[in-house]
Amino acid sequence: MKKRIHELAVERLILREPNDGRVRAVLETCGDGAVPSVRLSLLDARGEPAIVMQVDGDGAPVLHVGHPDRGVTVTISPSAVDLWSGGGVVASVRSSSEGGEIEVADGDGRAVKSLGSR
């Protein structure tokens, strides 16, 4: 007996609360490149992104805890963990083939303390 595989092709899938219809999650493809990125956004009760997981067209994964464009956010990628506040990185832990680095910055993004391979 052959199994039948069913497919649903969509560019954007929205999950809403059953009672009031508030959007709580969005799965979508986005971008204008040859290979679009894929993004899953989990929204808080106000509709703001609480967790955003994304894989870009080159296959690079990124996880944002908090709104990725404003406020206080933690961004995790395969080579770094960045802490954002007010639109700038205030602390970062990075790794590379040369080793690792820890950097703390002021509110304007200027490094005030750096430890590691620089």
Protein backbone atom coordinates (compact mmCIF):
# COMPACT_ATOMS: atom_id res chain seq x y z
CA MET A 1 0.00 0.00 0.00
CA LYS A 2 1.40 3.40 -1.00
CA LYS A 3 1.30 6.31 1.40
CA ARG A 4 -0.11 9.51 0.04
CA ILE A 5 1.78 12.65 0.86
CA HIS A 6 -0.27 15.80 1.10
CA GLU A 7 1.26 19.22 0.82
CA LEU A 8 0.03 22.67 1.68
CA ALA A 9 1.95 25.48 -0.04
CA VAL A 10 1.76 28.87 1.67
CA GLU A 11 4.06 31.87 1.96
CA ARG A 12 2.69 32.95 5.34
CA LEU A 13 0.94 30.96 8.05
CA ILE A 14 -0.71 32.85 10.91
CA LEU A 15 -1.84 31.31 14.21
CA ARG A 16 -4.55 33.21 16.06
CA GLU A 17 -6.13 32.83 19.46
CA PRO A 18 -9.55 31.17 19.14
CA ASN A 19 -11.39 33.63 21.41
CA ASP A 20 -10.41 37.08 20.19
CA GLY A 21 -8.38 36.40 17.04
CA ARG A 22 -5.12 37.93 18.28
CA VAL A 23 -2.14 36.80 16.22
CA ARG A 24 0.27 34.75 18.38
CA ALA A 25 2.64 33.22 15.80
CA VAL A 26 3.65 33.81 12.19
CA LEU A 27 5.61 31.43 9.95
CA GLU A 28 6.67 33.12 6.72
CA THR A 29 9.14 33.38 3.90
CA CYS A 30 10.53 36.85 3.37
CA GLY A 31 13.17 38.67 1.38
CA ASP A 32 13.81 39.61 -2.21
CA GLY A 33 16.85 37.40 -2.89
CA ALA A 34 16.98 34.30 -5.04
CA VAL A 35 16.44 32.20 -1.90
CA PRO A 36 14.17 33.89 0.65
CA SER A 37 14.69 33.59 4.36
CA VAL A 38 12.29 31.63 6.57
CA ARG A 39 11.10 33.17 9.82
CA LEU A 40 9.01 31.96 12.76
CA SER A 41 7.84 34.73 15.10
CA LEU A 42 6.20 33.92 18.43
CA LEU A 43 4.29 36.97 19.64
CA ASP A 44 3.42 38.09 23.14
CA ALA A 45 -0.12 39.02 24.23
CA ARG A 46 0.34 42.56 22.81
CA GLY A 47 1.34 41.19 19.39
CA GLU A 48 5.02 42.09 19.79
CA PRO A 49 7.73 39.56 18.82
CA ALA A 50 8.92 37.67 21.92
CA ILE A 51 11.02 35.07 20.06
CA VAL A 52 12.02 35.24 16.39
CA MET A 53 13.81 32.32 14.73
CA GLN A 54 15.17 32.87 11.25
CA VAL A 55 17.23 31.06 8.60
CA ASP A 56 18.44 33.37 5.84
CA GLY A 57 18.90 32.52 2.18
CA ASP A 58 22.48 31.39 2.84
CA GLY A 59 21.33 28.96 5.54
CA ALA A 60 22.59 31.00 8.50
CA PRO A 61 20.35 30.55 11.56
CA VAL A 62 19.66 33.35 14.07
CA LEU A 63 17.51 33.37 17.20
CA HIS A 64 16.27 36.65 18.71
CA VAL A 65 14.85 36.69 22.24
CA GLY A 66 12.94 39.97 22.43
CA HIS A 67 11.97 42.31 19.61
CA PRO A 68 14.73 42.08 16.96
CA ASP A 69 14.41 45.75 15.93
CA ARG A 70 14.07 47.58 19.24
CA GLY A 71 14.23 47.29 23.00
CA VAL A 72 16.38 44.80 24.88
CA THR A 73 17.20 41.71 22.81
CA VAL A 74 19.49 38.69 22.95
CA THR A 75 20.60 37.52 19.49
CA ILE A 76 22.13 34.06 19.15
CA SER A 77 23.91 32.87 16.01
CA PRO A 78 26.33 29.96 15.50
CA SER A 79 29.35 32.21 16.20
CA ALA A 80 28.04 34.83 18.66
CA VAL A 81 25.71 35.81 21.45
CA ASP A 82 24.93 39.55 21.36
CA LEU A 83 23.02 41.59 23.93
CA TRP A 84 21.24 44.58 22.39
CA SER A 85 19.76 47.64 24.05
CA GLY A 86 18.50 50.82 22.41
CA GLY A 87 19.49 49.69 18.92
CA GLY A 88 23.13 48.85 19.70
CA VAL A 89 25.15 45.89 20.93
CA VAL A 90 26.13 46.40 24.60
CA ALA A 91 27.79 43.01 25.19
CA SER A 92 29.00 40.24 22.93
CA VAL A 93 30.58 36.80 23.17
CA ARG A 94 32.08 35.71 19.83
CA SER A 95 34.01 32.72 18.59
CA SER A 96 36.08 32.11 15.48
CA SER A 97 38.85 29.83 14.27
CA GLU A 98 41.33 32.18 16.03
CA GLY A 99 39.63 31.84 19.42
CA GLY A 100 37.00 33.75 21.34
CA GLU A 101 36.27 37.28 22.43
CA ILE A 102 34.14 38.99 25.04
CA GLU A 103 33.31 42.65 24.52
CA VAL A 104 31.29 45.13 26.58
CA ALA A 105 30.18 48.39 24.96
CA ASP A 106 28.58 51.62 26.08
CA GLY A 107 25.15 52.73 24.92
CA ASP A 108 26.61 54.20 21.72
CA GLY A 109 28.28 50.92 20.69
CA ARG A 110 31.84 51.94 21.64
CA ALA A 111 33.82 49.10 23.22
CA VAL A 112 34.70 49.85 26.84
CA LYS A 113 36.13 46.43 27.74
CA SER A 114 37.42 43.68 25.49
CA LEU A 115 38.89 40.32 26.43
CA GLY A 116 40.16 37.76 23.98
CA SER A 117 41.80 37.51 20.61
CA ARG A 118 41.89 41.00 19.17
